[in-house]
């Protein structure tokens, strides 16, 4: 759980989030076909690792939290590209 958000995986490895960036009080399915083996929620963003070890993040990214080299929010998972 993050400071203002929470995320969970379903038994089918689908990601669900609530609170935080989207503000929902009930779990909402993350709009993606990606499956996740791990999730970690930050203050207003969430990151996940797919079964093939690729990292994605979504939510508030105004300070570069999403790891894709942009300072922008994303409601859908974006691949983490690491430092440039």
PDB file of N, CA and C in Angstrom:
ATOM      1  N   UNK A   1       0.830  -1.174   0.000  1.00  0.00           N
ATOM      2  CA  UNK A   1       0.000   0.000   0.000  1.00  0.00           C
ATOM      3  C   UNK A   1       0.878   1.242   0.000  1.00  0.00           C
ATOM      4  N   UNK A   2       0.435   2.220  -0.751  1.00  0.00           N
ATOM      5  CA  UNK A   2       1.115   3.492  -0.766  1.00  0.00           C
ATOM      6  C   UNK A   2       0.541   4.430   0.282  1.00  0.00           C
ATOM      7  N   UNK A   3       1.061   5.626   0.333  1.00  0.00           N
ATOM      8  CA  UNK A   3       0.593   6.595   1.311  1.00  0.00           C
ATOM      9  C   UNK A   3      -0.855   6.989   1.076  1.00  0.00           C
ATOM     10  N   UNK A   4      -1.249   7.146  -0.208  1.00  0.00           N
ATOM     11  CA  UNK A   4      -2.608   7.565  -0.544  1.00  0.00           C
ATOM     12  C   UNK A   4      -3.302   6.587  -1.475  1.00  0.00           C
ATOM     13  N   UNK A   5      -2.669   5.477  -1.796  1.00  0.00           N
ATOM     14  CA  UNK A   5      -3.240   4.550  -2.764  1.00  0.00           C
ATOM     15  C   UNK A   5      -2.986   3.118  -2.330  1.00  0.00           C
ATOM     16  N   UNK A   6      -3.709   2.206  -2.953  1.00  0.00           N
ATOM     17  CA  UNK A   6      -3.514   0.783  -2.703  1.00  0.00           C
ATOM     18  C   UNK A   6      -3.730   0.038  -3.999  1.00  0.00           C
ATOM     19  N   UNK A   7      -3.073  -1.087  -4.130  1.00  0.00           N
ATOM     20  CA  UNK A   7      -3.197  -1.925  -5.313  1.00  0.00           C
ATOM     21  C   UNK A   7      -3.211  -3.376  -4.878  1.00  0.00           C
ATOM     22  N   UNK A   8      -3.796  -4.218  -5.717  1.00  0.00           N
ATOM     23  CA  UNK A   8      -3.843  -5.641  -5.424  1.00  0.00           C
ATOM     24  C   UNK A   8      -3.882  -6.411  -6.727  1.00  0.00           C
ATOM     25  N   UNK A   9      -3.421  -7.647  -6.663  1.00  0.00           N
ATOM     26  CA  UNK A   9      -3.511  -8.546  -7.808  1.00  0.00           C
ATOM     27  C   UNK A   9      -4.675  -9.495  -7.562  1.00  0.00           C
ATOM     28  N   UNK A  10      -5.347  -9.844  -8.642  1.00  0.00           N
ATOM     29  CA  UNK A  10      -6.390 -10.853  -8.529  1.00  0.00           C
ATOM     30  C   UNK A  10      -5.735 -12.224  -8.669  1.00  0.00           C
ATOM     31  N   UNK A  11      -6.503 -13.268  -8.504  1.00  0.00           N
ATOM     32  CA  UNK A  11      -5.964 -14.616  -8.664  1.00  0.00           C
ATOM     33  C   UNK A  11      -5.558 -14.898 -10.105  1.00  0.00           C
ATOM     34  N   UNK A  12      -5.964 -14.035 -11.037  1.00  0.00           N
ATOM     35  CA  UNK A  12      -5.576 -14.190 -12.440  1.00  0.00           C
ATOM     36  C   UNK A  12      -4.468 -13.227 -12.826  1.00  0.00           C
ATOM     37  N   UNK A  13      -3.792 -12.624 -11.826  1.00  0.00           N
ATOM     38  CA  UNK A  13      -2.672 -11.692 -12.018  1.00  0.00           C
ATOM     39  C   UNK A  13      -3.057 -10.376 -12.678  1.00  0.00           C
ATOM     40  N   UNK A  14      -4.317 -10.008 -12.619  1.00  0.00           N
ATOM     41  CA  UNK A  14      -4.765  -8.700 -13.081  1.00  0.00           C
ATOM     42  C   UNK A  14      -4.586  -7.696 -11.959  1.00  0.00           C
ATOM     43  N   UNK A  15      -4.234  -6.450 -12.310  1.00  0.00           N
ATOM     44  CA  UNK A  15      -4.018  -5.412 -11.300  1.00  0.00           C
ATOM     45  C   UNK A  15      -5.298  -4.615 -11.058  1.00  0.00           C
ATOM     46  N   UNK A  16      -5.549  -4.311  -9.790  1.00  0.00           N
ATOM     47  CA  UNK A  16      -6.673  -3.495  -9.352  1.00  0.00           C
ATOM     48  C   UNK A  16      -6.126  -2.432  -8.416  1.00  0.00           C
ATOM     49  N   UNK A  17      -6.590  -1.186  -8.553  1.00  0.00           N
ATOM     50  CA  UNK A  17      -6.123  -0.107  -7.685  1.00  0.00           C
ATOM     51  C   UNK A  17      -7.293   0.730  -7.197  1.00  0.00           C
ATOM     52  N   UNK A  18      -7.065   1.449  -6.084  1.00  0.00           N
ATOM     53  CA  UNK A  18      -8.067   2.383  -5.565  1.00  0.00           C
ATOM     54  C   UNK A  18      -7.362   3.464  -4.778  1.00  0.00           C
ATOM     55  N   UNK A  19      -8.070   4.571  -4.589  1.00  0.00           N
ATOM     56  CA  UNK A  19      -7.464   5.730  -3.928  1.00  0.00           C
ATOM     57  C   UNK A  19      -6.474   6.398  -4.847  1.00  0.00           C
ATOM     58  N   UNK A  20      -5.549   7.153  -4.299  1.00  0.00           N
ATOM     59  CA  UNK A  20      -4.454   7.731  -5.076  1.00  0.00           C
ATOM     60  C   UNK A  20      -4.871   8.567  -6.255  1.00  0.00           C
ATOM     61  N   UNK A  21      -4.160   8.409  -7.360  1.00  0.00           N
ATOM     62  CA  UNK A  21      -4.309   9.229  -8.555  1.00  0.00           C
ATOM     63  C   UNK A  21      -5.744   9.242  -9.089  1.00  0.00           C
ATOM     64  N   UNK A  22      -6.385   8.098  -9.161  1.00  0.00           N
ATOM     65  CA  UNK A  22      -7.739   8.026  -9.698  1.00  0.00           C
ATOM     66  C   UNK A  22      -8.809   8.413  -8.703  1.00  0.00           C
ATOM     67  N   UNK A  23      -8.513   8.305  -7.407  1.00  0.00           N
ATOM     68  CA  UNK A  23      -9.431   8.732  -6.363  1.00  0.00           C
ATOM     69  C   UNK A  23     -10.577   7.800  -6.071  1.00  0.00           C
ATOM     70  N   UNK A  24     -10.640   6.630  -6.700  1.00  0.00           N
ATOM     71  CA  UNK A  24     -11.751   5.712  -6.486  1.00  0.00           C
ATOM     72  C   UNK A  24     -11.693   5.110  -5.081  1.00  0.00           C
ATOM     73  N   UNK A  25     -12.852   4.976  -4.451  1.00  0.00           N
ATOM     74  CA  UNK A  25     -12.926   4.362  -3.121  1.00  0.00           C
ATOM     75  C   UNK A  25     -13.093   2.850  -3.217  1.00  0.00           C
ATOM     76  N   UNK A  26     -13.399   2.353  -4.400  1.00  0.00           N
ATOM     77  CA  UNK A  26     -13.537   0.916  -4.607  1.00  0.00           C
ATOM     78  C   UNK A  26     -12.512   0.473  -5.645  1.00  0.00           C
ATOM     79  N   UNK A  27     -12.075  -0.789  -5.598  1.00  0.00           N
ATOM     80  CA  UNK A  27     -11.083  -1.261  -6.562  1.00  0.00           C
ATOM     81  C   UNK A  27     -11.561  -1.116  -8.004  1.00  0.00           C
ATOM     82  N   UNK A  28     -10.638  -0.655  -8.849  1.00  0.00           N
ATOM     83  CA  UNK A  28     -10.898  -0.479 -10.277  1.00  0.00           C
ATOM     84  C   UNK A  28      -9.827  -1.256 -11.035  1.00  0.00           C
ATOM     85  N   UNK A  29     -10.235  -2.021 -12.025  1.00  0.00           N
ATOM     86  CA  UNK A  29      -9.274  -2.775 -12.833  1.00  0.00           C
ATOM     87  C   UNK A  29      -8.373  -1.801 -13.593  1.00  0.00           C
ATOM     88  N   UNK A  30      -7.077  -2.060 -13.568  1.00  0.00           N
ATOM     89  CA  UNK A  30      -6.131  -1.244 -14.330  1.00  0.00           C
ATOM     90  C   UNK A  30      -6.377  -1.534 -15.811  1.00  0.00           C
ATOM     91  N   UNK A  31      -6.561  -0.485 -16.637  1.00  0.00           N
ATOM     92  CA  UNK A  31      -6.916  -0.684 -18.047  1.00  0.00           C
ATOM     93  C   UNK A  31      -5.732  -1.181 -18.886  1.00  0.00           C
ATOM     94  N   UNK A  32      -5.498  -2.498 -18.824  1.00  0.00           N
ATOM     95  CA  UNK A  32      -4.414  -3.112 -19.584  1.00  0.00           C
ATOM     96  C   UNK A  32      -4.653  -4.605 -19.721  1.00  0.00           C
ATOM     97  N   UNK A  33      -4.027  -5.198 -20.713  1.00  0.00           N
ATOM     98  CA  UNK A  33      -4.056  -6.650 -20.862  1.00  0.00           C
ATOM     99  C   UNK A  33      -2.853  -7.300 -20.180  1.00  0.00           C
ATOM    100  N   UNK A  34      -1.964  -6.475 -19.611  1.00  0.00           N
ATOM    101  CA  UNK A  34      -0.782  -6.992 -18.940  1.00  0.00           C
ATOM    102  C   UNK A  34      -1.155  -7.771 -17.689  1.00  0.00           C
ATOM    103  N   UNK A  35      -0.375  -8.798 -17.390  1.00  0.00           N
ATOM    104  CA  UNK A  35      -0.508  -9.548 -16.148  1.00  0.00           C
ATOM    105  C   UNK A  35       0.683  -9.191 -15.270  1.00  0.00           C
ATOM    106  N   UNK A  36       0.499  -9.186 -13.957  1.00  0.00           N
ATOM    107  CA  UNK A  36       1.556  -8.787 -13.036  1.00  0.00           C
ATOM    108  C   UNK A  36       1.815  -9.863 -11.998  1.00  0.00           C
ATOM    109  N   UNK A  37       3.093 -10.112 -11.735  1.00  0.00           N
ATOM    110  CA  UNK A  37       3.471 -11.067 -10.697  1.00  0.00           C
ATOM    111  C   UNK A  37       3.759 -10.360  -9.378  1.00  0.00           C
ATOM    112  N   UNK A  38       4.022  -9.035  -9.440  1.00  0.00           N
ATOM    113  CA  UNK A  38       4.257  -8.233  -8.241  1.00  0.00           C
ATOM    114  C   UNK A  38       3.728  -6.829  -8.459  1.00  0.00           C
ATOM    115  N   UNK A  39       3.231  -6.198  -7.381  1.00  0.00           N
ATOM    116  CA  UNK A  39       2.806  -4.805  -7.413  1.00  0.00           C
ATOM    117  C   UNK A  39       3.380  -4.085  -6.202  1.00  0.00           C
ATOM    118  N   UNK A  40       3.654  -2.790  -6.385  1.00  0.00           N
ATOM    119  CA  UNK A  40       4.116  -1.958  -5.283  1.00  0.00           C
ATOM    120  C   UNK A  40       3.512  -0.568  -5.458  1.00  0.00           C
ATOM    121  N   UNK A  41       2.783  -0.097  -4.457  1.00  0.00           N
ATOM    122  CA  UNK A  41       2.124   1.206  -4.537  1.00  0.00           C
ATOM    123  C   UNK A  41       2.973   2.274  -3.881  1.00  0.00           C
ATOM    124  N   UNK A  42       3.136   3.397  -4.577  1.00  0.00           N
ATOM    125  CA  UNK A  42       3.780   4.575  -4.008  1.00  0.00           C
ATOM    126  C   UNK A  42       2.710   5.510  -3.483  1.00  0.00           C
ATOM    127  N   UNK A  43       3.066   6.757  -3.229  1.00  0.00           N
ATOM    128  CA  UNK A  43       2.097   7.721  -2.714  1.00  0.00           C
ATOM    129  C   UNK A  43       0.903   7.900  -3.625  1.00  0.00           C
ATOM    130  N   UNK A  44       1.151   8.155  -4.890  1.00  0.00           N
ATOM    131  CA  UNK A  44       0.072   8.365  -5.866  1.00  0.00           C
ATOM    132  C   UNK A  44       0.341   7.607  -7.163  1.00  0.00           C
ATOM    133  N   UNK A  45       1.180   6.596  -7.106  1.00  0.00           N
ATOM    134  CA  UNK A  45       1.472   5.799  -8.295  1.00  0.00           C
ATOM    135  C   UNK A  45       1.689   4.347  -7.886  1.00  0.00           C
ATOM    136  N   UNK A  46       1.639   3.466  -8.867  1.00  0.00           N
ATOM    137  CA  UNK A  46       1.851   2.041  -8.631  1.00  0.00           C
ATOM    138  C   UNK A  46       2.801   1.513  -9.693  1.00  0.00           C
ATOM    139  N   UNK A  47       3.641   0.575  -9.311  1.00  0.00           N
ATOM    140  CA  UNK A  47       4.523  -0.104 -10.257  1.00  0.00           C
ATOM    141  C   UNK A  47       4.287  -1.599 -10.128  1.00  0.00           C
ATOM    142  N   UNK A  48       4.476  -2.290 -11.225  1.00  0.00           N
ATOM    143  CA  UNK A  48       4.307  -3.732 -11.217  1.00  0.00           C
ATOM    144  C   UNK A  48       5.330  -4.404 -12.102  1.00  0.00           C
ATOM    145  N   UNK A  49       5.571  -5.677 -11.803  1.00  0.00           N
ATOM    146  CA  UNK A  49       6.487  -6.479 -12.600  1.00  0.00           C
ATOM    147  C   UNK A  49       5.684  -7.599 -13.230  1.00  0.00           C
ATOM    148  N   UNK A  50       5.861  -7.774 -14.546  1.00  0.00           N
ATOM    149  CA  UNK A  50       5.180  -8.847 -15.250  1.00  0.00           C
ATOM    150  C   UNK A  50       5.898 -10.167 -14.985  1.00  0.00           C
ATOM    151  N   UNK A  51       5.257 -11.298 -15.287  1.00  0.00           N
ATOM    152  CA  UNK A  51       5.918 -12.592 -15.073  1.00  0.00           C
ATOM    153  C   UNK A  51       7.249 -12.727 -15.820  1.00  0.00           C
ATOM    154  N   UNK A  52       7.425 -11.986 -16.920  1.00  0.00           N
ATOM    155  CA  UNK A  52       8.699 -12.045 -17.646  1.00  0.00           C
ATOM    156  C   UNK A  52       9.658 -10.938 -17.201  1.00  0.00           C
ATOM    157  N   UNK A  53       9.430 -10.369 -16.004  1.00  0.00           N
ATOM    158  CA  UNK A  53      10.322  -9.421 -15.333  1.00  0.00           C
ATOM    159  C   UNK A  53      10.442  -8.060 -16.004  1.00  0.00           C
ATOM    160  N   UNK A  54       9.391  -7.603 -16.692  1.00  0.00           N
ATOM    161  CA  UNK A  54       9.364  -6.255 -17.254  1.00  0.00           C
ATOM    162  C   UNK A  54       8.594  -5.362 -16.287  1.00  0.00           C
ATOM    163  N   UNK A  55       9.163  -4.191 -15.967  1.00  0.00           N
ATOM    164  CA  UNK A  55       8.543  -3.276 -15.004  1.00  0.00           C
ATOM    165  C   UNK A  55       7.695  -2.224 -15.712  1.00  0.00           C
ATOM    166  N   UNK A  56       6.537  -1.938 -15.135  1.00  0.00           N
ATOM    167  CA  UNK A  56       5.601  -0.913 -15.626  1.00  0.00           C
ATOM    168  C   UNK A  56       5.143  -0.089 -14.437  1.00  0.00           C
ATOM    169  N   UNK A  57       4.856   1.192 -14.668  1.00  0.00           N
ATOM    170  CA  UNK A  57       4.292   2.051 -13.626  1.00  0.00           C
ATOM    171  C   UNK A  57       3.143   2.871 -14.202  1.00  0.00           C
ATOM    172  N   UNK A  58       2.244   3.342 -13.320  1.00  0.00           N
ATOM    173  CA  UNK A  58       1.132   4.199 -13.735  1.00  0.00           C
ATOM    174  C   UNK A  58       0.695   5.041 -12.551  1.00  0.00           C
ATOM    175  N   UNK A  59      -0.024   6.118 -12.848  1.00  0.00           N
ATOM    176  CA  UNK A  59      -0.494   7.043 -11.818  1.00  0.00           C
ATOM    177  C   UNK A  59       0.179   8.389 -11.966  1.00  0.00           C
ATOM    178  N   UNK A  60       0.479   9.033 -10.845  1.00  0.00           N
ATOM    179  CA  UNK A  60       1.093  10.352 -10.853  1.00  0.00           C
ATOM    180  C   UNK A  60       2.570  10.234 -11.228  1.00  0.00           C
ATOM    181  N   UNK A  61       2.962  10.977 -12.255  1.00  0.00           N
ATOM    182  CA  UNK A  61       4.348  10.934 -12.711  1.00  0.00           C
ATOM    183  C   UNK A  61       4.946  12.305 -12.903  1.00  0.00           C
ATOM    184  N   UNK A  62       4.359  13.322 -12.292  1.00  0.00           N
ATOM    185  CA  UNK A  62       4.801  14.697 -12.521  1.00  0.00           C
ATOM    186  C   UNK A  62       6.237  14.956 -12.068  1.00  0.00           C
ATOM    187  N   UNK A  63       6.769  14.093 -11.209  1.00  0.00           N
ATOM    188  CA  UNK A  63       8.149  14.245 -10.760  1.00  0.00           C
ATOM    189  C   UNK A  63       9.016  13.078 -11.230  1.00  0.00           C
ATOM    190  N   UNK A  64       8.607  12.424 -12.320  1.00  0.00           N
ATOM    191  CA  UNK A  64       9.384  11.338 -12.894  1.00  0.00           C
ATOM    192  C   UNK A  64       9.222   9.989 -12.216  1.00  0.00           C
ATOM    193  N   UNK A  65       8.201   9.835 -11.352  1.00  0.00           N
ATOM    194  CA  UNK A  65       8.028   8.602 -10.584  1.00  0.00           C
ATOM    195  C   UNK A  65       7.781   7.367 -11.443  1.00  0.00           C
ATOM    196  N   UNK A  66       7.310   7.543 -12.682  1.00  0.00           N
ATOM    197  CA  UNK A  66       6.945   6.385 -13.495  1.00  0.00           C
ATOM    198  C   UNK A  66       8.137   5.738 -14.181  1.00  0.00           C
ATOM    199  N   UNK A  67       9.293   6.396 -14.157  1.00  0.00           N
ATOM    200  CA  UNK A  67      10.500   5.783 -14.682  1.00  0.00           C
ATOM    201  C   UNK A  67      10.581   5.663 -16.188  1.00  0.00           C
ATOM    202  N   UNK A  68       9.778   6.462 -16.901  1.00  0.00           N
ATOM    203  CA  UNK A  68       9.802   6.392 -18.360  1.00  0.00           C
ATOM    204  C   UNK A  68      10.450   7.626 -18.985  1.00  0.00           C
ATOM    205  N   UNK A  69      11.127   8.428 -18.178  1.00  0.00           N
ATOM    206  CA  UNK A  69      11.805   9.613 -18.690  1.00  0.00           C
ATOM    207  C   UNK A  69      10.904  10.811 -18.916  1.00  0.00           C
ATOM    208  N   UNK A  70       9.635  10.696 -18.554  1.00  0.00           N
ATOM    209  CA  UNK A  70       8.679  11.788 -18.739  1.00  0.00           C
ATOM    210  C   UNK A  70       8.247  12.317 -17.365  1.00  0.00           C
ATOM    211  N   UNK A  71       7.789  13.540 -17.344  1.00  0.00           N
ATOM    212  CA  UNK A  71       7.196  14.126 -16.137  1.00  0.00           C
ATOM    213  C   UNK A  71       5.720  14.339 -16.416  1.00  0.00           C
ATOM    214  N   UNK A  72       4.997  13.235 -16.523  1.00  0.00           N
ATOM    215  CA  UNK A  72       3.575  13.280 -16.858  1.00  0.00           C
ATOM    216  C   UNK A  72       2.853  12.119 -16.179  1.00  0.00           C
ATOM    217  N   UNK A  73       1.572  12.299 -15.907  1.00  0.00           N
ATOM    218  CA  UNK A  73       0.730  11.258 -15.344  1.00  0.00           C
ATOM    219  C   UNK A  73       0.364  10.249 -16.419  1.00  0.00           C
ATOM    220  N   UNK A  74       0.023   9.034 -16.011  1.00  0.00           N
ATOM    221  CA  UNK A  74      -0.473   8.031 -16.939  1.00  0.00           C
ATOM    222  C   UNK A  74      -1.499   7.168 -16.225  1.00  0.00           C
ATOM    223  N   UNK A  75      -2.682   7.021 -16.814  1.00  0.00           N
ATOM    224  CA  UNK A  75      -3.717   6.181 -16.232  1.00  0.00           C
ATOM    225  C   UNK A  75      -3.533   4.722 -16.647  1.00  0.00           C
ATOM    226  N   UNK A  76      -2.644   4.467 -17.602  1.00  0.00           N
ATOM    227  CA  UNK A  76      -2.350   3.112 -18.033  1.00  0.00           C
ATOM    228  C   UNK A  76      -0.865   2.812 -17.776  1.00  0.00           C
ATOM    229  N   UNK A  77      -0.502   1.561 -17.602  1.00  0.00           N
ATOM    230  CA  UNK A  77       0.890   1.217 -17.349  1.00  0.00           C
ATOM    231  C   UNK A  77       1.813   1.624 -18.500  1.00  0.00           C
ATOM    232  N   UNK A  78       2.967   2.221 -18.126  1.00  0.00           N
ATOM    233  CA  UNK A  78       4.018   2.570 -19.097  1.00  0.00           C
ATOM    234  C   UNK A  78       5.272   1.824 -18.700  1.00  0.00           C
ATOM    235  N   UNK A  79       6.013   1.353 -19.690  1.00  0.00           N
ATOM    236  CA  UNK A  79       7.234   0.602 -19.418  1.00  0.00           C
ATOM    237  C   UNK A  79       8.271   1.479 -18.755  1.00  0.00           C
ATOM    238  N   UNK A  80       8.923   0.953 -17.737  1.00  0.00           N
ATOM    239  CA  UNK A  80      10.015   1.662 -17.064  1.00  0.00           C
ATOM    240  C   UNK A  80      11.242   1.520 -17.948  1.00  0.00           C
ATOM    241  N   UNK A  81      11.845   2.669 -18.266  1.00  0.00           N
ATOM    242  CA  UNK A  81      12.994   2.645 -19.173  1.00  0.00           C
ATOM    243  C   UNK A  81      14.307   2.860 -18.446  1.00  0.00           C
ATOM    244  N   UNK A  82      14.255   3.214 -17.171  1.00  0.00           N
ATOM    245  CA  UNK A  82      15.463   3.445 -16.407  1.00  0.00           C
ATOM    246  C   UNK A  82      16.100   4.773 -16.750  1.00  0.00           C
ATOM    247  N   UNK A  83      17.267   5.047 -16.181  1.00  0.00           N
ATOM    248  CA  UNK A  83      17.926   6.339 -16.431  1.00  0.00           C
ATOM    249  C   UNK A  83      18.381   6.456 -17.860  1.00  0.00           C
ATOM    250  N   UNK A  84      18.336   7.689 -18.375  1.00  0.00           N
ATOM    251  CA  UNK A  84      18.763   7.880 -19.767  1.00  0.00           C
ATOM    252  C   UNK A  84      20.165   8.445 -19.832  1.00  0.00           C
TER     253      UNK A  84
END
